[in-house]
Amino acid sequence: MESRLNELEAKISLAEDLLDALNRTVFRQQQQIDRLQQDIRALRQQVQDAAPDDAGSPDNEIPPHY
């Protein structure tokens, strides 16, 4: 009975360590996702700022016969 109890305690300890490691990994990954989303927003803004406002306007298109 004593050995089974010790074995269960060891397994619980290992499971707790694994859970802590997984929680740290998830936390770091969420931080990375947040940074990447900020980068994407910044890049989108740069593209919008760099694009001419009337680029898609039909008034600026050359007629097909030219």
C-alpha atoms as a PDB file:
ATOM      1  CA  MET A   1       0.000   0.000   0.000  1.00  0.00           C
ATOM      2  CA  GLU A   2       2.839   2.394   0.869  1.00  0.00           C
ATOM      3  CA  SER A   3       4.606   1.823  -2.448  1.00  0.00           C
ATOM      4  CA  ARG A   4       1.402   2.425  -4.410  1.00  0.00           C
ATOM      5  CA  LEU A   5       0.881   5.676  -2.542  1.00  0.00           C
ATOM      6  CA  ASN A   6       4.452   6.762  -3.270  1.00  0.00           C
ATOM      7  CA  GLU A   7       4.024   5.868  -6.922  1.00  0.00           C
ATOM      8  CA  LEU A   8       0.803   7.904  -7.155  1.00  0.00           C
ATOM      9  CA  GLU A   9       2.475  10.871  -5.463  1.00  0.00           C
ATOM     10  CA  ALA A  10       5.353  10.682  -7.940  1.00  0.00           C
ATOM     11  CA  LYS A  11       2.947  10.549 -10.878  1.00  0.00           C
ATOM     12  CA  ILE A  12       0.991  13.522  -9.545  1.00  0.00           C
ATOM     13  CA  SER A  13       4.197  15.466  -9.085  1.00  0.00           C
ATOM     14  CA  LEU A  14       5.286  14.736 -12.655  1.00  0.00           C
ATOM     15  CA  ALA A  15       1.824  15.643 -13.963  1.00  0.00           C
ATOM     16  CA  GLU A  16       1.940  18.969 -12.098  1.00  0.00           C
ATOM     17  CA  ASP A  17       5.382  19.724 -13.531  1.00  0.00           C
ATOM     18  CA  LEU A  18       4.150  18.912 -17.027  1.00  0.00           C
ATOM     19  CA  LEU A  19       1.073  21.077 -16.558  1.00  0.00           C
ATOM     20  CA  ASP A  20       3.223  24.005 -15.397  1.00  0.00           C
ATOM     21  CA  ALA A  21       5.495  23.603 -18.411  1.00  0.00           C
ATOM     22  CA  LEU A  22       2.517  23.475 -20.769  1.00  0.00           C
ATOM     23  CA  ASN A  23       0.997  26.576 -19.162  1.00  0.00           C
ATOM     24  CA  ARG A  24       4.256  28.479 -19.643  1.00  0.00           C
ATOM     25  CA  THR A  25       4.400  27.363 -23.269  1.00  0.00           C
ATOM     26  CA  VAL A  26       0.820  28.448 -23.932  1.00  0.00           C
ATOM     27  CA  PHE A  27       1.483  31.802 -22.256  1.00  0.00           C
ATOM     28  CA  ARG A  28       4.582  32.420 -24.404  1.00  0.00           C
ATOM     29  CA  GLN A  29       2.736  31.392 -27.554  1.00  0.00           C
ATOM     30  CA  GLN A  30      -0.136  33.754 -26.752  1.00  0.00           C
ATOM     31  CA  GLN A  31       2.338  36.590 -26.271  1.00  0.00           C
ATOM     32  CA  GLN A  32       3.885  35.763 -29.641  1.00  0.00           C
ATOM     33  CA  ILE A  33       0.456  35.646 -31.306  1.00  0.00           C
ATOM     34  CA  ASP A  34      -0.385  39.044 -29.819  1.00  0.00           C
ATOM     35  CA  ARG A  35       2.887  40.524 -31.134  1.00  0.00           C
ATOM     36  CA  LEU A  36       2.302  39.045 -34.589  1.00  0.00           C
ATOM     37  CA  GLN A  37      -1.224  40.457 -34.697  1.00  0.00           C
ATOM     38  CA  GLN A  38       0.133  43.897 -33.799  1.00  0.00           C
ATOM     39  CA  ASP A  39       2.732  43.562 -36.558  1.00  0.00           C
ATOM     40  CA  ILE A  40       0.046  42.622 -39.076  1.00  0.00           C
ATOM     41  CA  ARG A  41      -2.065  45.625 -38.082  1.00  0.00           C
ATOM     42  CA  ALA A  42       0.963  47.892 -38.455  1.00  0.00           C
ATOM     43  CA  LEU A  43       1.787  46.425 -41.885  1.00  0.00           C
ATOM     44  CA  ARG A  44      -1.804  46.846 -43.045  1.00  0.00           C
ATOM     45  CA  GLN A  45      -1.695  50.462 -41.966  1.00  0.00           C
ATOM     46  CA  GLN A  46       1.584  50.992 -43.822  1.00  0.00           C
ATOM     47  CA  VAL A  47       0.099  49.491 -46.988  1.00  0.00           C
ATOM     48  CA  GLN A  48      -2.997  51.661 -46.698  1.00  0.00           C
ATOM     49  CA  ASP A  49      -0.878  54.755 -46.086  1.00  0.00           C
ATOM     50  CA  ALA A  50       1.369  53.976 -49.074  1.00  0.00           C
ATOM     51  CA  ALA A  51      -1.449  53.214 -51.514  1.00  0.00           C
ATOM     52  CA  PRO A  52      -2.779  56.173 -53.488  1.00  0.00           C
ATOM     53  CA  ASP A  53      -6.311  57.081 -52.504  1.00  0.00           C
ATOM     54  CA  ASP A  54      -7.648  57.002 -56.051  1.00  0.00           C
ATOM     55  CA  ALA A  55      -5.733  53.974 -57.363  1.00  0.00           C
ATOM     56  CA  GLY A  56      -8.887  51.972 -58.041  1.00  0.00           C
ATOM     57  CA  SER A  57     -10.819  54.838 -59.578  1.00  0.00           C
ATOM     58  CA  PRO A  58     -12.070  54.204 -63.134  1.00  0.00           C
ATOM     59  CA  ASP A  59     -11.278  57.857 -64.009  1.00  0.00           C
ATOM     60  CA  ASN A  60      -7.547  57.067 -63.826  1.00  0.00           C
ATOM     61  CA  GLU A  61      -7.645  54.009 -66.064  1.00  0.00           C
ATOM     62  CA  ILE A  62      -6.348  54.231 -69.619  1.00  0.00           C
ATOM     63  CA  PRO A  63      -8.988  53.308 -72.199  1.00  0.00           C
ATOM     64  CA  PRO A  64      -8.364  49.958 -73.898  1.00  0.00           C
ATOM     65  CA  HIS A  65      -7.720  51.501 -77.348  1.00  0.00           C
ATOM     66  CA  TYR A  66      -4.532  53.259 -76.176  1.00  0.00           C
END
